[in-house]
């Protein structure tokens, strides 16, 4: 049985209209949104 590889796309940037547009475009191309919040970290 062949193993299946999961492909991830990492989007990052300021929370502005351009970022929202990039996320919307990726979703329209079939990508699935997954968000993991890591507490206690600062940028």
Foldseek 3Di string as FASTA:
>chain_A
DDDDDDDDDDQDDDPDPVSVVVVVVVVVVPDDDDDDDDPPDDD
